[in-house]
């Protein structure tokens, strides 16, 4: 499902909201998650999962085409850990 499909589904299930309002709500939720992660905070959605930020150390990588050693800087990456409810539903429980 992509963002526009999510917006359409929510708008269909809530006829009292216009599609423009639903779009603003969805964008606000995503923007708040992004802002929290940028601050280094953890975002937990009970039953769904938790978003956090992990740090990756600097390392020496390889250029796959030439095999040449390349310095890869340290960086922060988003990490998602599924919640118990989501894991159980995916596994048919």
N, C-alpha and C. Protein backbone atom coordinates (compact mmCIF):
# COMPACT_ATOMS: atom_id res chain seq x y z
N UNK A 1 0.85 -1.18 0.00
CA UNK A 1 0.00 0.00 0.00
C UNK A 1 0.89 1.23 0.00
N UNK A 2 0.55 2.18 -0.84
CA UNK A 2 1.29 3.43 -0.88
C UNK A 2 0.47 4.52 -0.19
N UNK A 3 1.10 5.67 0.02
CA UNK A 3 0.47 6.74 0.79
C UNK A 3 -0.89 7.15 0.22
N UNK A 4 -0.99 7.29 -1.10
CA UNK A 4 -2.26 7.71 -1.71
C UNK A 4 -3.35 6.66 -1.49
N UNK A 5 -2.99 5.37 -1.51
CA UNK A 5 -3.97 4.32 -1.24
C UNK A 5 -4.44 4.36 0.21
N UNK A 6 -3.51 4.65 1.12
CA UNK A 6 -3.87 4.78 2.53
C UNK A 6 -4.84 5.94 2.73
N UNK A 7 -4.54 7.06 2.11
CA UNK A 7 -5.41 8.24 2.21
C UNK A 7 -6.79 7.93 1.66
N UNK A 8 -6.84 7.27 0.53
CA UNK A 8 -8.13 6.93 -0.09
C UNK A 8 -8.93 5.98 0.80
N UNK A 9 -8.28 4.98 1.37
CA UNK A 9 -8.97 4.01 2.23
C UNK A 9 -9.54 4.69 3.47
N UNK A 10 -8.76 5.56 4.10
CA UNK A 10 -9.25 6.27 5.29
C UNK A 10 -10.40 7.19 4.90
N UNK A 11 -10.30 7.88 3.77
CA UNK A 11 -11.37 8.77 3.33
C UNK A 11 -12.65 7.98 3.03
N UNK A 12 -12.52 6.79 2.45
CA UNK A 12 -13.69 5.97 2.15
C UNK A 12 -14.37 5.48 3.43
N UNK A 13 -13.58 5.17 4.46
CA UNK A 13 -14.13 4.67 5.71
C UNK A 13 -14.67 5.78 6.61
N UNK A 14 -14.35 7.02 6.29
CA UNK A 14 -14.80 8.17 7.09
C UNK A 14 -15.42 9.22 6.17
N UNK A 15 -16.66 9.00 5.74
CA UNK A 15 -17.26 9.92 4.77
C UNK A 15 -17.47 11.34 5.30
N UNK A 16 -17.42 11.52 6.62
CA UNK A 16 -17.58 12.86 7.18
C UNK A 16 -16.31 13.71 7.03
N UNK A 17 -15.19 13.08 6.61
CA UNK A 17 -13.95 13.80 6.38
C UNK A 17 -13.70 13.92 4.88
N UNK A 18 -13.23 15.08 4.46
CA UNK A 18 -12.88 15.24 3.05
C UNK A 18 -11.52 14.61 2.79
N UNK A 19 -11.25 14.31 1.55
CA UNK A 19 -9.97 13.71 1.21
C UNK A 19 -8.82 14.65 1.56
N UNK A 20 -9.03 15.94 1.42
CA UNK A 20 -8.00 16.92 1.76
C UNK A 20 -7.67 16.87 3.25
N UNK A 21 -8.71 16.73 4.10
CA UNK A 21 -8.48 16.63 5.54
C UNK A 21 -7.73 15.34 5.88
N UNK A 22 -8.12 14.25 5.29
CA UNK A 22 -7.45 12.98 5.54
C UNK A 22 -5.99 13.06 5.11
N UNK A 23 -5.73 13.68 3.98
CA UNK A 23 -4.36 13.83 3.49
C UNK A 23 -3.52 14.63 4.49
N UNK A 24 -4.09 15.69 5.04
CA UNK A 24 -3.38 16.50 6.03
C UNK A 24 -3.10 15.70 7.29
N UNK A 25 -4.06 14.87 7.71
CA UNK A 25 -3.88 14.05 8.90
C UNK A 25 -2.75 13.04 8.69
N UNK A 26 -2.79 12.33 7.57
CA UNK A 26 -1.76 11.33 7.28
C UNK A 26 -0.39 11.98 7.18
N UNK A 27 -0.30 13.10 6.48
CA UNK A 27 0.98 13.79 6.34
C UNK A 27 1.50 14.28 7.69
N UNK A 28 0.60 14.76 8.55
CA UNK A 28 1.00 15.22 9.87
C UNK A 28 1.56 14.07 10.70
N UNK A 29 0.91 12.92 10.66
CA UNK A 29 1.39 11.76 11.41
C UNK A 29 2.78 11.37 10.92
N UNK A 30 2.96 11.26 9.62
CA UNK A 30 4.28 10.89 9.08
C UNK A 30 5.33 11.94 9.41
N UNK A 31 4.97 13.22 9.29
CA UNK A 31 5.92 14.29 9.60
C UNK A 31 6.35 14.25 11.06
N UNK A 32 5.41 13.96 11.96
CA UNK A 32 5.75 13.89 13.39
C UNK A 32 6.66 12.71 13.68
N UNK A 33 6.44 11.59 13.02
CA UNK A 33 7.32 10.44 13.19
C UNK A 33 8.73 10.79 12.71
N UNK A 34 8.82 11.43 11.56
CA UNK A 34 10.12 11.82 11.00
C UNK A 34 10.83 12.81 11.92
N UNK A 35 10.10 13.80 12.42
CA UNK A 35 10.70 14.79 13.32
C UNK A 35 11.20 14.15 14.61
N UNK A 36 10.42 13.23 15.16
CA UNK A 36 10.83 12.56 16.40
C UNK A 36 12.10 11.74 16.16
N UNK A 37 12.18 11.04 15.05
CA UNK A 37 13.37 10.26 14.74
C UNK A 37 14.57 11.17 14.51
N UNK A 38 14.35 12.31 13.88
CA UNK A 38 15.44 13.26 13.63
C UNK A 38 16.00 13.79 14.95
N UNK A 39 15.14 13.91 15.98
CA UNK A 39 15.59 14.34 17.31
C UNK A 39 16.25 13.21 18.08
N UNK A 40 16.18 11.99 17.55
CA UNK A 40 16.75 10.84 18.23
C UNK A 40 15.77 10.15 19.15
N UNK A 41 14.49 10.54 19.11
CA UNK A 41 13.47 9.92 19.95
C UNK A 41 13.02 8.60 19.35
N UNK A 42 12.34 7.82 20.17
CA UNK A 42 11.77 6.54 19.75
C UNK A 42 10.27 6.75 19.59
N UNK A 43 9.67 6.20 18.54
CA UNK A 43 8.23 6.31 18.31
C UNK A 43 7.63 4.92 18.41
N UNK A 44 6.71 4.74 19.36
CA UNK A 44 6.09 3.44 19.57
C UNK A 44 4.61 3.52 19.27
N UNK A 45 4.14 2.63 18.39
CA UNK A 45 2.73 2.51 18.07
C UNK A 45 2.29 1.15 18.58
N UNK A 46 1.61 1.12 19.71
CA UNK A 46 1.26 -0.13 20.39
C UNK A 46 0.56 -1.09 19.45
N UNK A 47 1.01 -2.33 19.46
CA UNK A 47 0.43 -3.36 18.63
C UNK A 47 0.99 -3.38 17.22
N UNK A 48 1.59 -2.29 16.79
CA UNK A 48 2.14 -2.21 15.43
C UNK A 48 3.65 -2.37 15.45
N UNK A 49 4.33 -1.51 16.22
CA UNK A 49 5.77 -1.60 16.30
C UNK A 49 6.39 -0.31 16.78
N UNK A 50 7.70 -0.28 16.77
CA UNK A 50 8.44 0.88 17.26
C UNK A 50 9.50 1.28 16.24
N UNK A 51 9.58 2.58 16.01
CA UNK A 51 10.62 3.15 15.15
C UNK A 51 11.69 3.73 16.06
N UNK A 52 12.94 3.52 15.70
CA UNK A 52 14.04 4.10 16.44
C UNK A 52 15.18 4.40 15.46
N UNK A 53 16.23 4.99 15.99
CA UNK A 53 17.39 5.33 15.17
C UNK A 53 18.58 4.53 15.69
N UNK A 54 19.29 3.89 14.78
CA UNK A 54 20.50 3.13 15.14
C UNK A 54 21.70 3.81 14.48
N UNK A 55 22.81 3.76 15.16
CA UNK A 55 24.05 4.32 14.62
C UNK A 55 24.88 3.22 14.00
N UNK A 56 25.42 3.50 12.85
CA UNK A 56 26.34 2.56 12.19
C UNK A 56 27.72 3.20 12.20
N UNK A 57 28.70 2.44 12.63
CA UNK A 57 30.06 2.94 12.71
C UNK A 57 30.68 3.09 11.33
N UNK A 58 31.72 3.92 11.27
CA UNK A 58 32.48 4.07 10.03
C UNK A 58 33.19 2.75 9.73
N UNK A 59 33.39 2.47 8.46
CA UNK A 59 34.03 1.22 8.09
C UNK A 59 34.67 1.38 6.72
N UNK A 60 35.39 0.37 6.33
CA UNK A 60 35.99 0.35 5.00
C UNK A 60 35.15 -0.60 4.16
N UNK A 61 34.55 -0.08 3.09
CA UNK A 61 33.76 -0.89 2.19
C UNK A 61 34.52 -1.16 0.90
N UNK A 62 33.86 -1.81 0.00
CA UNK A 62 34.47 -2.13 -1.29
C UNK A 62 33.56 -1.66 -2.42
N UNK A 63 34.16 -1.08 -3.44
CA UNK A 63 33.42 -0.74 -4.65
C UNK A 63 33.18 -2.06 -5.38
N UNK A 64 31.91 -2.45 -5.59
CA UNK A 64 31.65 -3.75 -6.20
C UNK A 64 32.16 -3.88 -7.64
N UNK A 65 32.27 -2.77 -8.33
CA UNK A 65 32.73 -2.84 -9.72
C UNK A 65 34.24 -3.02 -9.81
N UNK A 66 34.98 -2.25 -9.01
CA UNK A 66 36.44 -2.27 -9.14
C UNK A 66 37.13 -3.03 -8.01
N UNK A 67 36.44 -3.28 -6.90
CA UNK A 67 37.06 -3.94 -5.76
C UNK A 67 37.90 -2.99 -4.92
N UNK A 68 37.91 -1.72 -5.29
CA UNK A 68 38.70 -0.72 -4.58
C UNK A 68 38.11 -0.45 -3.20
N UNK A 69 39.00 -0.26 -2.21
CA UNK A 69 38.56 0.05 -0.85
C UNK A 69 38.00 1.48 -0.81
N UNK A 70 36.86 1.63 -0.12
CA UNK A 70 36.20 2.93 -0.01
C UNK A 70 35.86 3.17 1.45
N UNK A 71 36.18 4.37 1.94
CA UNK A 71 35.84 4.72 3.32
C UNK A 71 34.36 5.08 3.39
N UNK A 72 33.64 4.40 4.29
CA UNK A 72 32.22 4.67 4.49
C UNK A 72 32.09 5.35 5.85
N UNK A 73 31.53 6.57 5.86
CA UNK A 73 31.41 7.34 7.09
C UNK A 73 30.37 6.72 8.02
N UNK A 74 30.47 7.09 9.31
CA UNK A 74 29.44 6.65 10.25
C UNK A 74 28.13 7.35 9.91
N UNK A 75 27.02 6.69 10.21
CA UNK A 75 25.72 7.27 9.86
C UNK A 75 24.65 6.73 10.78
N UNK A 76 23.52 7.38 10.74
CA UNK A 76 22.35 6.95 11.50
C UNK A 76 21.31 6.44 10.51
N UNK A 77 20.67 5.33 10.87
CA UNK A 77 19.68 4.73 10.00
C UNK A 77 18.41 4.45 10.80
N UNK A 78 17.23 4.56 10.14
CA UNK A 78 15.99 4.23 10.85
C UNK A 78 15.89 2.72 11.04
N UNK A 79 15.27 2.33 12.14
CA UNK A 79 15.10 0.92 12.47
C UNK A 79 13.65 0.71 12.92
N UNK A 80 13.04 -0.38 12.47
CA UNK A 80 11.67 -0.69 12.86
C UNK A 80 11.62 -2.07 13.49
N UNK A 81 11.03 -2.15 14.67
CA UNK A 81 10.84 -3.44 15.34
C UNK A 81 9.34 -3.68 15.44
N UNK A 82 8.88 -4.80 14.91
CA UNK A 82 7.45 -5.08 14.90
C UNK A 82 6.94 -5.35 16.31
N UNK A 83 5.67 -4.99 16.51
CA UNK A 83 5.01 -5.25 17.78
C UNK A 83 4.47 -6.68 17.80
N UNK A 84 4.13 -7.14 19.00
CA UNK A 84 3.66 -8.52 19.16
C UNK A 84 2.38 -8.77 18.36
N UNK A 85 1.44 -7.85 18.38
CA UNK A 85 0.18 -8.03 17.66
C UNK A 85 0.42 -8.19 16.16
N UNK A 86 1.28 -7.37 15.60
CA UNK A 86 1.60 -7.45 14.16
C UNK A 86 2.29 -8.78 13.84
N UNK A 87 3.27 -9.16 14.66
CA UNK A 87 3.96 -10.45 14.43
C UNK A 87 2.98 -11.61 14.49
N UNK A 88 2.07 -11.58 15.48
CA UNK A 88 1.10 -12.67 15.62
C UNK A 88 0.17 -12.74 14.42
N UNK A 89 -0.29 -11.60 13.92
CA UNK A 89 -1.19 -11.60 12.76
C UNK A 89 -0.48 -12.09 11.51
N UNK A 90 0.78 -11.73 11.36
CA UNK A 90 1.54 -12.19 10.19
C UNK A 90 1.77 -13.69 10.23
N UNK A 91 1.87 -14.23 11.44
CA UNK A 91 2.13 -15.66 11.59
C UNK A 91 0.86 -16.46 11.81
N UNK A 92 -0.30 -15.86 11.57
CA UNK A 92 -1.57 -16.58 11.61
C UNK A 92 -2.06 -16.95 12.98
N UNK A 93 -1.66 -16.23 14.00
CA UNK A 93 -2.11 -16.55 15.37
C UNK A 93 -3.28 -15.67 15.77
